[in-house]
Every structure is written in C-alpha cells, then in structure tokens.
Amino acid sequence: MKIPYQEIDPETLEQLIQFFVLREGTDYGEEERSLEEKVADVRKQLENGEAIIVYSELHESVNIVPATN
C-alpha cells in the first residue's frame, strides 16, 4: 500500500527517512556525505515523485522504494 509522504507527521517522516538512510548504508564513493545531506536527498526524491513510501501488511513494515513509472 502506497502512503503519501504528505500524510505522515513531519517528525515521523524525518525519523523514517533517517532510519532508511542508516539502514541502507549507501557508499557514495570518494565523497563522504553527512546524514543530513542523505536525508535531504531522500526527501527531495519523495517530493519529486522519484521515490515512494510503501507499507507491507504481510511484513508489517514501512519502506522507501523507487517509484515505478
């Protein structure tokens, strides 16, 4: 089930994005990025429709995934 990010409490959304970024452990190569920068990138992806938030009833979990066209 897709969850519009606008319907999530701002503090909860911030924590969800932080959890996602920390869990992903993405390597940015030679350029190290701060947590704040990574969170801002994910937030921008949500705002631009490049990523969405989904809830899985089967797994009882929330995740951020790339949007499919």
C-alpha atoms as a PDB file:
ATOM      1  CA  MET A   1       0.000   0.000   0.000  1.00  0.00           C
ATOM      2  CA  LYS A   2       1.399   3.389  -1.031  1.00  0.00           C
ATOM      3  CA  ILE A   3       1.482   6.013   1.738  1.00  0.00           C
ATOM      4  CA  PRO A   4       1.632   9.670   0.610  1.00  0.00           C
ATOM      5  CA  TYR A   5       4.538  11.281   2.437  1.00  0.00           C
ATOM      6  CA  GLN A   6       2.432  14.421   2.953  1.00  0.00           C
ATOM      7  CA  GLU A   7       0.081  12.453   5.219  1.00  0.00           C
ATOM      8  CA  ILE A   8       2.850  11.440   7.613  1.00  0.00           C
ATOM      9  CA  ASP A   9       3.603  13.595  10.648  1.00  0.00           C
ATOM     10  CA  PRO A  10       6.758  15.629   9.806  1.00  0.00           C
ATOM     11  CA  GLU A  11       8.703  14.302  12.799  1.00  0.00           C
ATOM     12  CA  THR A  12       7.735  10.717  11.967  1.00  0.00           C
ATOM     13  CA  LEU A  13       8.697  11.248   8.321  1.00  0.00           C
ATOM     14  CA  GLU A  14      12.102  12.601   9.364  1.00  0.00           C
ATOM     15  CA  GLN A  15      12.712   9.550  11.549  1.00  0.00           C
ATOM     16  CA  LEU A  16      11.550   7.188   8.794  1.00  0.00           C
ATOM     17  CA  ILE A  17      13.936   8.763   6.280  1.00  0.00           C
ATOM     18  CA  GLN A  18      16.814   8.674   8.786  1.00  0.00           C
ATOM     19  CA  PHE A  19      16.132   5.001   9.523  1.00  0.00           C
ATOM     20  CA  PHE A  20      16.065   4.254   5.794  1.00  0.00           C
ATOM     21  CA  VAL A  21      19.340   6.099   5.136  1.00  0.00           C
ATOM     22  CA  LEU A  22      21.120   4.450   8.069  1.00  0.00           C
ATOM     23  CA  ARG A  23      19.815   1.005   7.151  1.00  0.00           C
ATOM     24  CA  GLU A  24      20.825   1.310   3.509  1.00  0.00           C
ATOM     25  CA  GLY A  25      24.443   2.132   4.348  1.00  0.00           C
ATOM     26  CA  THR A  26      24.953   3.511   0.864  1.00  0.00           C
ATOM     27  CA  ASP A  27      28.538   4.107  -0.213  1.00  0.00           C
ATOM     28  CA  TYR A  28      28.967   7.409  -2.021  1.00  0.00           C
ATOM     29  CA  GLY A  29      32.493   6.656  -3.217  1.00  0.00           C
ATOM     30  CA  GLU A  30      35.258   9.130  -2.534  1.00  0.00           C
ATOM     31  CA  GLU A  31      32.848  11.859  -1.448  1.00  0.00           C
ATOM     32  CA  GLU A  32      31.543  11.291   2.080  1.00  0.00           C
ATOM     33  CA  ARG A  33      28.096  12.740   2.730  1.00  0.00           C
ATOM     34  CA  SER A  34      26.560  13.705   6.066  1.00  0.00           C
ATOM     35  CA  LEU A  35      23.396  12.154   7.405  1.00  0.00           C
ATOM     36  CA  GLU A  36      21.615  15.472   6.896  1.00  0.00           C
ATOM     37  CA  GLU A  37      22.617  15.559   3.216  1.00  0.00           C
ATOM     38  CA  LYS A  38      21.464  11.980   2.655  1.00  0.00           C
ATOM     39  CA  VAL A  39      18.134  12.685   4.395  1.00  0.00           C
ATOM     40  CA  ALA A  40      17.662  15.813   2.268  1.00  0.00           C
ATOM     41  CA  ASP A  41      18.323  13.775  -0.890  1.00  0.00           C
ATOM     42  CA  VAL A  42      15.704  11.175   0.029  1.00  0.00           C
ATOM     43  CA  ARG A  43      13.188  13.873   0.986  1.00  0.00           C
ATOM     44  CA  LYS A  44      13.739  15.534  -2.410  1.00  0.00           C
ATOM     45  CA  GLN A  45      13.190  12.171  -4.148  1.00  0.00           C
ATOM     46  CA  LEU A  46       9.878  11.793  -2.292  1.00  0.00           C
ATOM     47  CA  GLU A  47       8.824  15.340  -3.204  1.00  0.00           C
ATOM     48  CA  ASN A  48       9.771  14.823  -6.880  1.00  0.00           C
ATOM     49  CA  GLY A  49       7.939  11.510  -7.103  1.00  0.00           C
ATOM     50  CA  GLU A  50      11.159   9.578  -7.701  1.00  0.00           C
ATOM     51  CA  ALA A  51      10.618   7.551  -4.522  1.00  0.00           C
ATOM     52  CA  ILE A  52       7.529   6.457  -2.600  1.00  0.00           C
ATOM     53  CA  ILE A  53       6.713   5.149   0.861  1.00  0.00           C
ATOM     54  CA  VAL A  54       5.048   1.749   0.974  1.00  0.00           C
ATOM     55  CA  TYR A  55       3.507  -0.253   3.795  1.00  0.00           C
ATOM     56  CA  SER A  56       3.540  -4.039   3.619  1.00  0.00           C
ATOM     57  CA  GLU A  57       0.701  -5.645   5.546  1.00  0.00           C
ATOM     58  CA  LEU A  58       2.330  -9.044   5.047  1.00  0.00           C
ATOM     59  CA  HIS A  59       5.602  -7.972   6.675  1.00  0.00           C
ATOM     60  CA  GLU A  60       4.089  -5.195   8.820  1.00  0.00           C
ATOM     61  CA  SER A  61       6.818  -2.847   7.666  1.00  0.00           C
ATOM     62  CA  VAL A  62       7.294   0.534   6.012  1.00  0.00           C
ATOM     63  CA  ASN A  63       9.888   1.141   3.339  1.00  0.00           C
ATOM     64  CA  ILE A  64      11.029   3.790   0.872  1.00  0.00           C
ATOM     65  CA  VAL A  65      11.400   2.462  -2.660  1.00  0.00           C
ATOM     66  CA  PRO A  66      11.992   3.872  -6.124  1.00  0.00           C
ATOM     67  CA  ALA A  67       8.762   4.907  -7.847  1.00  0.00           C
ATOM     68  CA  THR A  68       7.918   2.865 -10.914  1.00  0.00           C
ATOM     69  CA  ASN A  69       6.645   4.603 -13.999  1.00  0.00           C
END
